């Protein structure tokens, strides 16, 4: 194969564009990771695992101290009645319901960050695989006469 043919084939492989995209995808991944970290830092009190976040737990703890001892007829509230009162506060108490809504928003946005990060990783891995293939093709072309 003549050198001109090899040069033409190498130009058609468009490795320069791949390298540029690789850098672009690395930057996007870096940006997504930093945005996620910043978001977590800004919303630390609203991050939750399986249950309520720290802020909801704090407000709930304050409400525990406010549970009435008696009902309208001056009867002592039972433990299940007190628990029901606390549960009702999740919608009735504006501060608590706002914190619960904020917790849900934070969880939703965090999921979106994770999706964006995973997609950026997949694009980066795919581009690296194509570059590996192109490298093998260039080696093959350079080895042939």
Protein backbone atom coordinates (compact mmCIF):
# COMPACT_ATOMS: atom_id res chain seq x y z
CA UNK A 1 0.00 0.00 0.00
CA UNK A 2 1.38 3.39 -0.99
CA UNK A 3 2.07 6.11 1.54
CA UNK A 4 -0.58 8.33 -0.09
CA UNK A 5 -3.21 5.65 0.37
CA UNK A 6 -2.20 5.19 4.01
CA UNK A 7 -2.35 8.94 4.61
CA UNK A 8 -5.81 9.11 3.08
CA UNK A 9 -7.04 6.22 5.22
CA UNK A 10 -5.54 7.81 8.35
CA UNK A 11 -7.29 11.09 7.56
CA UNK A 12 -10.61 9.28 7.17
CA UNK A 13 -10.18 7.70 10.63
CA UNK A 14 -10.79 11.20 12.05
CA UNK A 15 -8.82 10.59 15.24
CA UNK A 16 -8.41 14.33 15.88
CA UNK A 17 -12.18 14.66 16.30
CA UNK A 18 -12.23 11.66 18.64
CA UNK A 19 -9.50 13.15 20.82
CA UNK A 20 -11.43 16.43 20.99
CA UNK A 21 -14.61 14.59 21.97
CA UNK A 22 -12.66 12.64 24.58
CA UNK A 23 -11.52 15.89 26.17
CA UNK A 24 -15.07 17.27 25.95
CA UNK A 25 -16.54 14.19 27.65
CA UNK A 26 -13.88 14.29 30.36
CA UNK A 27 -14.75 17.95 31.02
CA UNK A 28 -18.47 17.13 31.15
CA UNK A 29 -17.86 14.29 33.59
CA UNK A 30 -15.68 16.52 35.75
CA UNK A 31 -18.34 19.25 35.72
CA UNK A 32 -21.12 16.79 36.59
CA UNK A 33 -19.13 15.36 39.49
CA UNK A 34 -18.38 18.85 40.85
CA UNK A 35 -22.02 19.92 40.47
CA UNK A 36 -23.16 16.83 42.37
CA UNK A 37 -20.65 17.47 45.16
CA UNK A 38 -21.69 21.13 45.40
CA UNK A 39 -25.37 20.19 45.43
CA UNK A 40 -24.78 17.66 48.21
CA UNK A 41 -22.87 20.25 50.22
CA UNK A 42 -25.59 22.88 49.80
CA UNK A 43 -28.36 20.42 50.71
CA UNK A 44 -26.55 18.40 53.37
CA UNK A 45 -29.43 18.54 55.87
CA UNK A 46 -31.91 17.23 53.30
CA UNK A 47 -29.95 14.18 52.12
CA UNK A 48 -31.59 10.98 53.20
CA UNK A 49 -30.98 7.29 53.01
CA UNK A 50 -33.89 4.95 53.55
CA UNK A 51 -35.82 7.23 55.91
CA UNK A 52 -36.17 10.88 56.75
CA UNK A 53 -33.32 13.35 56.33
CA UNK A 54 -31.64 15.10 59.27
CA UNK A 55 -33.75 18.25 58.90
CA UNK A 56 -37.05 16.33 58.95
CA UNK A 57 -35.84 14.36 61.98
CA UNK A 58 -34.90 17.60 63.75
CA UNK A 59 -38.32 19.18 63.16
CA UNK A 60 -40.04 15.94 64.12
CA UNK A 61 -38.06 15.83 67.37
CA UNK A 62 -39.24 19.35 68.18
CA UNK A 63 -42.82 18.30 67.52
CA UNK A 64 -42.51 15.30 69.86
CA UNK A 65 -42.14 17.77 72.70
CA UNK A 66 -45.34 19.49 71.56
CA UNK A 67 -47.56 16.39 71.46
CA UNK A 68 -50.65 17.20 73.53
CA UNK A 69 -51.20 15.08 76.64
CA UNK A 70 -54.98 15.20 76.38
CA UNK A 71 -57.64 15.42 73.70
CA UNK A 72 -60.57 17.87 73.49
CA UNK A 73 -62.48 15.96 76.16
CA UNK A 74 -59.51 16.08 78.55
CA UNK A 75 -58.80 12.39 78.12
CA UNK A 76 -55.21 11.23 78.15
CA UNK A 77 -53.91 10.44 74.67
CA UNK A 78 -52.72 6.90 74.12
CA UNK A 79 -49.39 6.13 72.47
CA UNK A 80 -51.08 5.30 69.13
CA UNK A 81 -53.03 8.58 69.31
CA UNK A 82 -49.82 10.50 69.94
CA UNK A 83 -48.18 8.70 67.01
CA UNK A 84 -51.18 9.58 64.82
CA UNK A 85 -50.87 13.24 65.89
CA UNK A 86 -47.19 13.23 64.91
CA UNK A 87 -47.99 11.58 61.59
CA UNK A 88 -50.69 14.17 60.88
CA UNK A 89 -48.10 16.92 61.48
CA UNK A 90 -46.26 15.75 58.36
CA UNK A 91 -48.98 17.51 56.36
CA UNK A 92 -50.40 20.00 58.89
CA UNK A 93 -47.13 21.56 60.09
CA UNK A 94 -45.85 23.91 57.38
CA UNK A 95 -42.20 23.69 58.43
CA UNK A 96 -42.25 19.89 58.51
CA UNK A 97 -44.18 19.50 55.25
CA UNK A 98 -41.80 22.00 53.61
CA UNK A 99 -38.77 20.05 54.82
CA UNK A 100 -40.31 16.81 53.50
CA UNK A 101 -40.95 18.47 50.12
CA UNK A 102 -37.37 19.79 50.08
CA UNK A 103 -36.08 16.28 50.92
CA UNK A 104 -38.02 14.87 47.95
CA UNK A 105 -36.69 17.58 45.62
CA UNK A 106 -33.13 16.96 46.77
CA UNK A 107 -33.50 13.20 46.23
CA UNK A 108 -34.94 13.78 42.74
CA UNK A 109 -32.17 16.20 41.77
CA UNK A 110 -29.52 13.90 43.19
CA UNK A 111 -30.88 11.06 41.04
CA UNK A 112 -30.64 13.35 38.00
CA UNK A 113 -27.01 14.14 38.86
CA UNK A 114 -26.25 10.42 39.14
CA UNK A 115 -27.89 9.75 35.76
CA UNK A 116 -25.88 12.55 34.13
CA UNK A 117 -22.67 11.21 35.67
CA UNK A 118 -23.37 7.66 34.50
CA UNK A 119 -24.18 8.84 30.98
CA UNK A 120 -20.99 10.93 30.87
CA UNK A 121 -19.00 7.89 32.01
CA UNK A 122 -20.58 5.72 29.30
CA UNK A 123 -19.83 8.30 26.56
CA UNK A 124 -16.26 8.56 27.81
CA UNK A 125 -15.83 4.76 27.90
CA UNK A 126 -17.31 4.43 24.41
CA UNK A 127 -15.01 7.09 22.99
CA UNK A 128 -12.00 5.46 24.64
CA UNK A 129 -12.98 2.12 23.10
CA UNK A 130 -13.23 3.70 19.64
CA UNK A 131 -9.83 5.35 20.14
CA UNK A 132 -8.42 1.94 21.09
CA UNK A 133 -9.85 0.50 17.89
CA UNK A 134 -8.44 3.33 15.82
CA UNK A 135 -5.05 2.85 17.47
CA UNK A 136 -5.12 -0.81 16.45
CA UNK A 137 -6.10 0.18 12.91
CA UNK A 138 -3.24 2.68 12.71
CA UNK A 139 -0.79 0.04 13.96
CA UNK A 140 -2.08 -2.35 11.32
CA UNK A 141 -1.63 0.26 8.60
CA UNK A 142 1.85 1.16 9.77
CA UNK A 143 2.92 -2.51 9.88
CA UNK A 144 1.80 -3.26 6.35
CA UNK A 145 4.16 -2.50 3.53
